[in-house]
Protein backbone atom coordinates (compact mmCIF):
# COMPACT_ATOMS: atom_id res chain seq x y z
CA MET A 1 1.49 9.90 -52.43
CA SER A 2 1.60 13.68 -51.87
CA ASP A 3 3.95 15.32 -49.36
CA GLU A 4 0.98 15.94 -47.08
CA GLU A 5 -0.15 12.35 -46.95
CA ASN A 6 0.73 10.23 -43.95
CA PRO A 7 0.44 6.45 -44.30
CA GLU A 8 -0.60 6.23 -40.62
CA TYR A 9 -3.82 8.11 -41.41
CA GLY A 10 -6.84 6.30 -42.77
CA LYS A 11 -9.03 7.04 -45.80
CA ILE A 12 -12.77 6.95 -46.35
CA THR A 13 -12.83 4.22 -48.98
CA GLU A 14 -15.77 2.32 -50.45
CA GLU A 15 -14.51 -0.87 -48.83
CA ALA A 16 -14.19 0.74 -45.38
CA VAL A 17 -17.64 2.33 -45.68
CA ALA A 18 -19.22 -0.99 -46.71
CA LYS A 19 -17.81 -2.68 -43.60
CA LEU A 20 -19.19 0.08 -41.42
CA VAL A 21 -22.65 0.12 -43.01
CA ALA A 22 -22.91 -3.65 -42.54
CA ARG A 23 -23.09 -3.01 -38.78
CA LEU A 24 -26.24 -0.88 -38.98
CA GLY A 25 -28.88 -2.08 -36.53
CA LYS A 26 -26.61 -4.57 -34.77
CA THR A 27 -26.42 -4.34 -30.99
CA PHE A 28 -23.29 -5.11 -28.97
CA PRO A 29 -22.75 -5.07 -25.21
CA ILE A 30 -20.08 -2.77 -23.81
CA THR A 31 -17.92 -5.17 -21.84
CA GLN A 32 -14.99 -2.96 -20.78
CA PRO A 33 -16.49 0.18 -19.24
CA TYR A 34 -14.46 2.55 -17.09
CA VAL A 35 -17.31 2.96 -14.60
CA ARG A 36 -19.46 0.05 -13.42
CA SER A 37 -20.24 0.89 -9.80
CA VAL A 38 -22.07 3.95 -8.57
CA ASN A 39 -20.11 4.66 -5.41
CA LEU A 40 -18.73 7.61 -3.47
CA ASP A 41 -15.43 7.62 -5.35
CA ASN A 42 -16.86 7.45 -8.87
CA VAL A 43 -19.66 9.91 -8.18
CA THR A 44 -17.45 12.55 -6.55
CA ARG A 45 -14.76 12.23 -9.24
CA VAL A 46 -17.33 12.98 -11.94
CA ALA A 47 -18.79 15.92 -10.00
CA ARG A 48 -15.36 17.41 -9.39
CA SER A 49 -14.32 17.01 -13.03
CA ILE A 50 -17.13 19.33 -14.17
CA GLY A 51 -16.82 21.74 -11.24
CA ASP A 52 -20.06 20.59 -9.62
CA ASP A 53 -20.26 21.19 -5.86
CA ASN A 54 -23.90 20.15 -5.41
CA PRO A 55 -23.96 18.25 -2.08
CA LEU A 56 -26.47 15.80 -3.58
CA PHE A 57 -23.50 14.45 -5.57
CA ILE A 58 -20.61 14.85 -3.15
CA ASP A 59 -21.89 14.83 0.46
CA PRO A 60 -23.29 11.50 1.74
CA ALA A 61 -24.66 13.10 4.91
CA TYR A 62 -26.62 15.69 2.93
CA ALA A 63 -27.83 13.13 0.37
CA ALA A 64 -29.20 10.99 3.22
CA THR A 65 -31.63 13.81 4.10
CA THR A 66 -33.13 13.99 0.58
CA ARG A 67 -35.90 11.90 -1.00
CA TYR A 68 -33.18 9.65 -2.49
CA GLY A 69 -31.61 8.75 0.85
CA ARG A 70 -28.13 8.41 -0.66
CA LEU A 71 -25.80 9.98 -3.21
CA VAL A 72 -27.17 10.50 -6.70
CA ALA A 73 -24.94 10.10 -9.75
CA PRO A 74 -24.63 13.29 -11.83
CA PRO A 75 -25.77 12.58 -15.41
CA ALA A 76 -22.20 13.02 -16.66
CA LEU A 77 -21.30 9.69 -15.01
CA PHE A 78 -22.93 7.83 -17.93
CA TYR A 79 -20.00 8.86 -20.12
CA GLY A 80 -17.79 6.64 -17.95
CA ALA A 81 -19.99 3.62 -18.65
CA ALA A 82 -19.68 3.97 -22.43
CA TRP A 83 -17.62 6.82 -23.87
CA GLY A 84 -14.62 6.06 -21.66
CA SER A 85 -14.79 2.29 -22.22
CA TRP A 86 -12.12 0.36 -24.06
CA ASP A 87 -14.55 -1.31 -26.44
CA LEU A 88 -17.13 1.34 -27.44
CA ARG A 89 -15.06 2.05 -30.54
CA ARG A 90 -14.40 -1.58 -31.39
CA GLY A 91 -15.89 -2.12 -34.83
CA GLN A 92 -16.37 1.63 -35.27
CA GLY A 93 -15.04 1.39 -38.80
CA LEU A 94 -13.00 3.77 -40.98
CA PRO A 95 -9.71 3.00 -39.18
CA GLY A 96 -7.33 5.93 -38.93
CA VAL A 97 -9.96 8.48 -39.97
CA HIS A 98 -10.28 11.20 -37.36
CA GLY A 99 -13.48 11.29 -35.32
CA LEU A 100 -15.16 14.39 -33.92
CA HIS A 101 -17.92 13.86 -31.38
CA CYS A 102 -20.46 16.40 -32.67
CA GLY A 103 -23.28 16.42 -30.11
CA ASP A 104 -25.53 14.28 -27.96
CA GLU A 105 -29.21 13.52 -27.54
CA TRP A 106 -29.99 12.24 -24.04
CA ARG A 107 -33.12 10.82 -22.43
CA TYR A 108 -32.93 10.16 -18.67
CA PHE A 109 -35.64 8.00 -17.11
CA GLN A 110 -34.63 7.40 -13.51
CA PRO A 111 -31.71 8.13 -11.20
CA LEU A 112 -28.65 6.05 -10.53
CA LEU A 113 -28.04 5.93 -6.79
CA GLU A 114 -25.06 5.05 -4.66
CA GLY A 115 -24.84 1.25 -4.55
CA ASP A 116 -26.27 0.78 -8.05
CA GLU A 117 -24.46 -0.81 -10.98
CA VAL A 118 -24.58 0.42 -14.59
CA HIS A 119 -23.99 -1.34 -17.90
CA ALA A 120 -24.64 -0.41 -21.51
CA THR A 121 -25.15 -1.59 -25.07
CA LYS A 122 -24.45 0.15 -28.38
CA THR A 123 -26.24 -0.02 -31.72
CA LEU A 124 -25.12 1.72 -34.91
CA VAL A 125 -28.18 3.68 -36.06
CA ARG A 126 -26.72 6.06 -38.65
CA ALA A 127 -23.95 5.83 -41.24
CA GLU A 128 -23.88 8.14 -44.26
CA PRO A 129 -21.56 10.44 -46.21
CA MET A 130 -21.57 14.17 -45.56
CA GLU A 131 -19.84 17.29 -46.79
CA GLY A 132 -18.60 20.23 -44.76
CA ARG A 133 -16.09 23.05 -44.54
CA MET A 134 -13.67 21.03 -42.45
CA ALA A 135 -12.80 18.37 -45.03
CA GLY A 136 -15.08 18.87 -48.04
CA ASN A 137 -16.44 15.57 -49.30
CA LYS A 138 -13.84 13.57 -47.36
CA MET A 139 -16.28 13.26 -44.46
CA PHE A 140 -18.74 10.76 -43.03
CA ILE A 141 -21.20 10.83 -40.15
CA GLN A 142 -22.22 7.91 -37.98
CA ALA A 143 -24.18 7.60 -34.77
CA ASP A 144 -24.57 5.00 -32.04
CA GLU A 145 -27.58 4.55 -29.82
CA ILE A 146 -26.28 3.70 -26.36
CA ARG A 147 -28.69 2.25 -23.82
CA TYR A 148 -27.84 2.28 -20.12
CA TYR A 149 -29.26 -0.18 -17.59
CA ASN A 150 -28.98 -0.63 -13.84
CA GLN A 151 -28.27 -3.90 -12.01
CA ASN A 152 -31.94 -4.87 -12.38
CA ASP A 153 -31.75 -4.42 -16.16
CA GLU A 154 -34.04 -1.41 -15.91
CA LEU A 155 -33.48 1.15 -18.65
CA VAL A 156 -32.17 4.32 -17.01
CA ALA A 157 -30.98 6.40 -19.99
CA ILE A 158 -30.60 6.48 -23.78
CA GLN A 159 -27.93 8.42 -25.64
CA ILE A 160 -27.65 9.09 -29.37
CA MET A 161 -24.00 9.92 -30.03
CA PRO A 162 -23.14 11.21 -33.52
CA VAL A 163 -19.52 11.37 -34.68
CA ILE A 164 -18.15 13.15 -37.74
CA ARG A 165 -15.30 11.31 -39.42
CA ALA A 166 -12.90 13.46 -41.47
CA GLU A 167 -9.68 12.62 -43.30
CA ARG A 168 -6.81 14.30 -41.47
CA GLU A 169 -4.80 15.48 -44.50
CA GLU A 170 -7.86 17.14 -46.03
CA SER A 171 -8.73 18.82 -42.73
CA LYS A 172 -5.17 20.12 -42.36
CA LYS A 173 -5.07 21.36 -45.96
CA ARG A 174 -8.32 23.30 -45.65
CA GLY A 175 -7.37 24.79 -42.25
CA LYS A 176 -10.92 25.78 -41.29
CA TYR A 177 -9.74 27.07 -37.90
CA SER A 178 -6.22 28.23 -38.89
CA SER A 179 -6.97 31.96 -38.50
CA ILE A 180 -8.07 31.63 -34.86
CA GLU A 181 -5.71 33.23 -32.34
CA ARG A 182 -5.10 31.85 -28.87
CA ALA A 183 -6.99 33.60 -26.08
CA THR A 184 -5.09 35.69 -23.52
CA TYR A 185 -6.31 37.22 -20.26
CA THR A 186 -5.44 40.05 -17.93
CA GLU A 187 -5.44 39.74 -14.17
CA ALA A 188 -8.76 41.62 -14.18
CA ASP A 189 -10.23 39.14 -16.69
CA ILE A 190 -9.39 36.19 -14.44
CA ALA A 191 -10.76 38.02 -11.41
CA GLN A 192 -14.08 38.52 -13.24
CA ILE A 193 -14.31 34.83 -14.16
CA ASP A 194 -13.51 33.88 -10.56
CA LYS A 195 -16.30 36.17 -9.36
CA GLU A 196 -18.78 34.52 -11.74
CA LEU A 197 -17.72 31.08 -10.50
CA GLU A 198 -18.29 32.12 -6.89
CA ASN A 199 -21.81 33.22 -7.82
CA GLU A 200 -22.71 29.79 -9.27
CA LEU A 201 -24.89 28.06 -6.71
CA PRO A 202 -26.90 24.86 -7.15
CA ARG A 203 -30.65 25.21 -6.61
CA GLY A 204 -30.26 22.42 -4.07
CA ALA A 205 -32.98 21.69 -1.55
CA THR A 206 -35.17 24.69 -2.46
CA PRO A 207 -37.78 23.24 -4.86
CA ARG A 208 -38.27 24.91 -8.23
CA TYR A 209 -42.01 24.42 -8.60
CA TRP A 210 -43.57 23.99 -12.02
CA GLU A 211 -46.37 26.44 -11.18
CA ASP A 212 -43.85 29.19 -10.36
CA THR A 213 -41.75 28.74 -13.51
CA GLU A 214 -42.71 31.01 -16.39
CA ILE A 215 -42.01 31.05 -20.11
CA GLY A 216 -39.30 33.63 -20.76
CA GLU A 217 -37.65 33.04 -17.40
CA ALA A 218 -33.86 33.01 -17.53
CA VAL A 219 -31.89 29.89 -16.63
CA ASP A 220 -29.07 30.58 -14.18
CA PRO A 221 -25.86 31.01 -16.23
CA VAL A 222 -22.57 29.18 -15.66
CA VAL A 223 -19.04 29.88 -16.90
CA LYS A 224 -16.52 27.27 -18.03
CA GLY A 225 -12.83 27.90 -18.58
CA PRO A 226 -10.30 29.04 -19.39
CA LEU A 227 -9.75 25.47 -20.54
CA THR A 228 -6.45 23.93 -19.40
CA LEU A 229 -4.62 20.61 -19.50
CA PRO A 230 -5.63 19.86 -15.87
CA ASP A 231 -9.27 20.09 -17.00
CA MET A 232 -8.52 17.26 -19.45
CA VAL A 233 -6.76 15.25 -16.75
CA THR A 234 -9.62 15.52 -14.25
CA TRP A 235 -12.14 14.58 -16.95
CA LEU A 236 -10.20 11.44 -17.91
CA GLN A 237 -9.76 10.53 -14.24
CA ALA A 238 -13.54 10.66 -13.92
CA ILE A 239 -14.81 8.91 -17.06
CA GLY A 240 -11.81 7.13 -18.57
CA SER A 241 -10.38 7.09 -22.05
CA PRO A 242 -10.69 4.72 -25.00
CA HIS A 243 -7.14 5.34 -26.22
CA VAL A 244 -4.93 6.30 -23.27
CA ARG A 245 -3.30 3.05 -22.20
CA GLY A 246 0.03 2.03 -20.72
CA GLY A 247 2.67 -0.66 -21.08
CA LYS A 248 1.51 -3.96 -22.57
CA TYR A 249 -2.05 -2.66 -22.89
CA TRP A 250 -0.85 0.10 -25.22
CA GLN A 251 1.34 -2.33 -27.18
CA GLN A 252 -1.49 -4.82 -27.59
CA TYR A 253 -3.91 -2.06 -28.62
CA ARG A 254 -1.51 -0.84 -31.33
CA LYS A 255 -1.09 -4.39 -32.56
CA GLN A 256 -4.85 -4.91 -32.70
CA SER A 257 -5.59 -1.50 -34.30
CA PRO A 258 -2.40 -0.09 -35.87
CA LYS A 259 -3.95 3.22 -36.89
CA VAL A 260 -4.82 4.24 -33.31
CA ALA A 261 -1.23 5.47 -32.92
CA VAL A 262 0.71 8.25 -34.63
CA ILE A 263 4.50 8.48 -34.61
CA ASP A 264 5.82 11.57 -32.80
CA PRO A 265 8.17 13.15 -35.39
CA GLU A 266 10.54 14.43 -32.69
CA THR A 267 11.00 11.17 -30.78
CA GLY A 268 9.78 8.36 -33.05
CA ILE A 269 7.47 7.17 -30.26
CA PRO A 270 3.99 5.92 -31.24
CA GLN A 271 1.46 7.98 -29.33
CA ALA A 272 -2.32 7.97 -29.04
CA VAL A 273 -4.31 10.01 -31.55
CA GLU A 274 -6.10 11.37 -28.49
CA ARG A 275 -3.14 13.73 -28.09
CA VAL A 276 -5.21 16.29 -30.04
CA HIS A 277 -6.73 17.19 -26.67
CA TRP A 278 -3.46 18.22 -25.03
CA ASP A 279 -0.80 18.42 -27.74
CA ASN A 280 -0.75 21.40 -30.11
CA PHE A 281 1.34 19.50 -32.69
CA MET A 282 -1.16 16.68 -32.97
CA ALA A 283 -4.02 19.20 -33.16
CA ALA A 284 -2.20 20.94 -36.02
CA GLU A 285 -2.18 17.62 -37.90
CA ILE A 286 -5.93 18.05 -38.42
CA GLY A 287 -5.77 21.79 -39.06
CA MET A 288 -6.39 23.08 -35.53
CA PRO A 289 -4.50 26.05 -34.05
CA ALA A 290 -4.37 24.45 -30.60
CA ALA A 291 -5.46 21.42 -28.60
CA TYR A 292 -9.15 21.30 -27.75
CA ASP A 293 -11.72 19.78 -25.40
CA TYR A 294 -13.39 16.38 -25.47
CA GLY A 295 -16.94 16.43 -26.81
CA SER A 296 -18.06 14.31 -23.87
CA GLN A 297 -16.48 16.85 -21.53
CA ARG A 298 -18.49 19.68 -23.08
CA GLY A 299 -21.57 17.48 -22.75
CA GLY A 300 -20.75 17.01 -19.07
CA TYR A 301 -20.74 20.79 -18.65
CA ALA A 302 -24.21 20.92 -20.24
CA THR A 303 -25.51 18.42 -17.66
CA TYR A 304 -24.01 20.54 -14.84
CA PHE A 305 -25.78 23.63 -16.19
CA ALA A 306 -29.07 21.70 -16.24
CA THR A 307 -28.93 20.02 -12.82
CA ASN A 308 -27.74 23.25 -11.19
CA TRP A 309 -30.98 24.92 -12.25
CA VAL A 310 -33.61 22.22 -11.69
CA GLY A 311 -32.61 21.56 -8.08
CA ASP A 312 -32.58 18.33 -6.12
CA ASP A 313 -36.34 17.79 -6.55
CA GLY A 314 -36.35 18.44 -10.29
CA TRP A 315 -35.31 16.03 -13.02
CA VAL A 316 -33.40 16.50 -16.26
CA ALA A 317 -35.56 14.39 -18.60
CA GLU A 318 -33.96 15.23 -21.95
CA LEU A 319 -30.96 17.13 -23.31
CA ASP A 320 -30.22 17.66 -26.98
CA PHE A 321 -27.16 19.70 -27.96
CA GLN A 322 -24.74 20.11 -30.83
CA PHE A 323 -21.03 20.85 -30.74
CA ARG A 324 -20.42 23.76 -33.10
CA GLY A 325 -16.87 24.90 -33.55
CA MET A 326 -14.10 24.08 -31.13
CA TYR A 327 -13.38 24.83 -27.49
CA PHE A 328 -9.62 25.37 -27.61
CA ASN A 329 -7.21 25.30 -24.70
CA GLY A 330 -7.32 28.76 -23.15
CA ASP A 331 -10.89 29.48 -24.25
CA VAL A 332 -13.78 30.32 -21.95
CA PHE A 333 -17.53 30.08 -22.57
CA HIS A 334 -20.75 31.09 -20.84
CA LEU A 335 -23.79 28.81 -20.77
CA SER A 336 -27.14 30.56 -20.51
CA GLY A 337 -30.72 30.00 -21.58
CA GLU A 338 -34.39 30.63 -21.04
CA VAL A 339 -37.65 28.75 -20.59
CA ILE A 340 -39.49 28.55 -23.92
CA ASP A 341 -42.43 26.24 -23.10
CA LYS A 342 -44.26 24.46 -20.26
CA TRP A 343 -46.96 21.78 -20.08
CA ARG A 344 -48.30 18.87 -18.07
CA GLY A 345 -48.00 15.25 -19.06
CA GLN A 346 -51.25 13.80 -20.32
CA GLN A 347 -50.82 10.47 -18.56
CA THR A 348 -49.06 11.45 -15.34
CA GLY A 349 -49.82 15.14 -14.85
CA THR A 350 -46.08 15.76 -14.44
CA GLY A 351 -45.13 19.39 -15.00
CA TYR A 352 -42.54 19.85 -17.75
CA VAL A 353 -40.63 22.90 -18.93
CA LYS A 354 -38.50 23.24 -22.04
CA ILE A 355 -35.46 25.47 -22.21
CA LYS A 356 -33.28 26.68 -25.05
CA PHE A 357 -29.63 27.36 -24.28
CA GLN A 358 -26.40 28.55 -25.84
CA ALA A 359 -22.69 28.45 -25.00
CA ILE A 360 -20.98 31.66 -26.12
CA ASN A 361 -17.18 31.58 -26.18
CA ASN A 362 -14.63 34.38 -25.94
CA ARG A 363 -14.92 35.00 -29.71
CA GLY A 364 -18.70 35.38 -29.54
CA ASP A 365 -19.43 31.99 -31.15
CA ASP A 366 -22.15 29.65 -29.91
CA ILE A 367 -20.22 26.39 -29.55
CA MET A 368 -23.02 24.33 -27.97
CA PRO A 369 -26.60 25.31 -28.85
CA GLY A 370 -29.21 23.02 -27.39
CA THR A 371 -32.51 22.38 -25.68
CA GLY A 372 -33.57 20.61 -22.50
CA ILE A 373 -36.81 19.26 -21.08
CA PHE A 374 -37.08 19.14 -17.31
CA ALA A 375 -39.67 17.62 -14.97
CA LEU A 376 -40.34 19.85 -11.97
CA PRO A 377 -42.10 19.18 -8.67
CA SER A 378 -45.63 20.52 -8.39
CA LYS A 379 -47.47 22.29 -5.59
CA VAL A 380 -50.56 20.35 -6.69
CA ASN A 381 -49.26 16.96 -7.83
CA GLY A 382 -46.25 16.66 -5.54
CA PRO A 383 -42.77 15.32 -6.37
CA VAL A 384 -41.57 13.99 -9.70
CA ASN A 385 -42.29 10.27 -10.01
CA PHE A 386 -39.95 7.85 -11.75
CA PRO A 387 -39.47 6.63 -14.38
CA VAL A 388 -39.91 9.84 -16.36
CA ASP A 389 -40.60 9.48 -20.09
CA VAL A 390 -41.67 12.71 -21.76
CA ARG A 391 -42.28 11.06 -25.13
CA THR A 392 -44.79 8.51 -23.88
CA ASP A 393 -46.35 10.84 -21.32
CA GLY A 394 -47.85 13.05 -24.00
CA ARG A 395 -49.05 16.58 -23.52
CA ALA A 396 -52.23 17.55 -21.72
CA ASP A 397 -54.24 20.53 -22.91
CA ASP A 398 -53.90 23.28 -20.35
């Protein structure tokens, strides 16, 4: 064993890969979600965690005046029904091998409203070796398809969640991000970010009509950051955590899955591998210069950017984005985009627009490129009707 090897860290072995691949196509219910009920507390916690002040999500009196008649769950709430559950990662395979959530593909069919219930299933749909700069050929990629249902067993959303698995020692040795310096800010810098935040307003009750939306039109930008530990705390309060557990629950989890914990070299205390998101030492163990965000958290910011623009009468039908690079503590990024296409559904006549967006950080890197397809209300055809399914609706010739 080399000096850099840690017996607590797992390896991508043929045996471990075979066990993982054997799960392809098998569906399992998620039985221990963090969020089950769509209620005032859960909805507002999610909205607050991503900085969303849209009254459709946080003000019951306002929501009662809309077509929905009650609070609507922001799309980020789905992460609490799966990502933050205690059993999404059960049977994930490759124990002790670090996982990096590397993007999401979302399809949203109909809203979750206050008073609804949500439950989910997971199916492994991808499992294959890969090679990259982070850990060379000591990498693997896998993806789950997660289906979300309401209390009537109606399908409300589908998520494809890919995860890159990389051996920690190899990642640390290569140090892909080791040259990155921590961001610092002047008082004027913070004042500028605060000004941009004050200018972020949800479209709200003013409809964004399909007929009035043009290709090339800019999507209202949003700013996120500088990222801090409280941002992590509010996110976990909203959607839960698979690894952060206390007392007997933490002891039983370590007994069940020994490689979920890493011994703190200063104290000898076993701590959750999830410390990479708030502990610079643990982040350094995989070659990072500082702690960094949750992938799901960055995805939540993408949903905020989308719903802010479409307004209360529009609908985010699809989002597809990739996590490129890291969003380190102290970093800031700007989300912006433009409309690149528009059409009507062949079957329903629903007006759709497609946008392309980017998330440029303080170093000029695009850390979340993506696209979105939105259904907008029409002056001719009226409001968006649910369920919305772009892929089965087809495309009418204009």
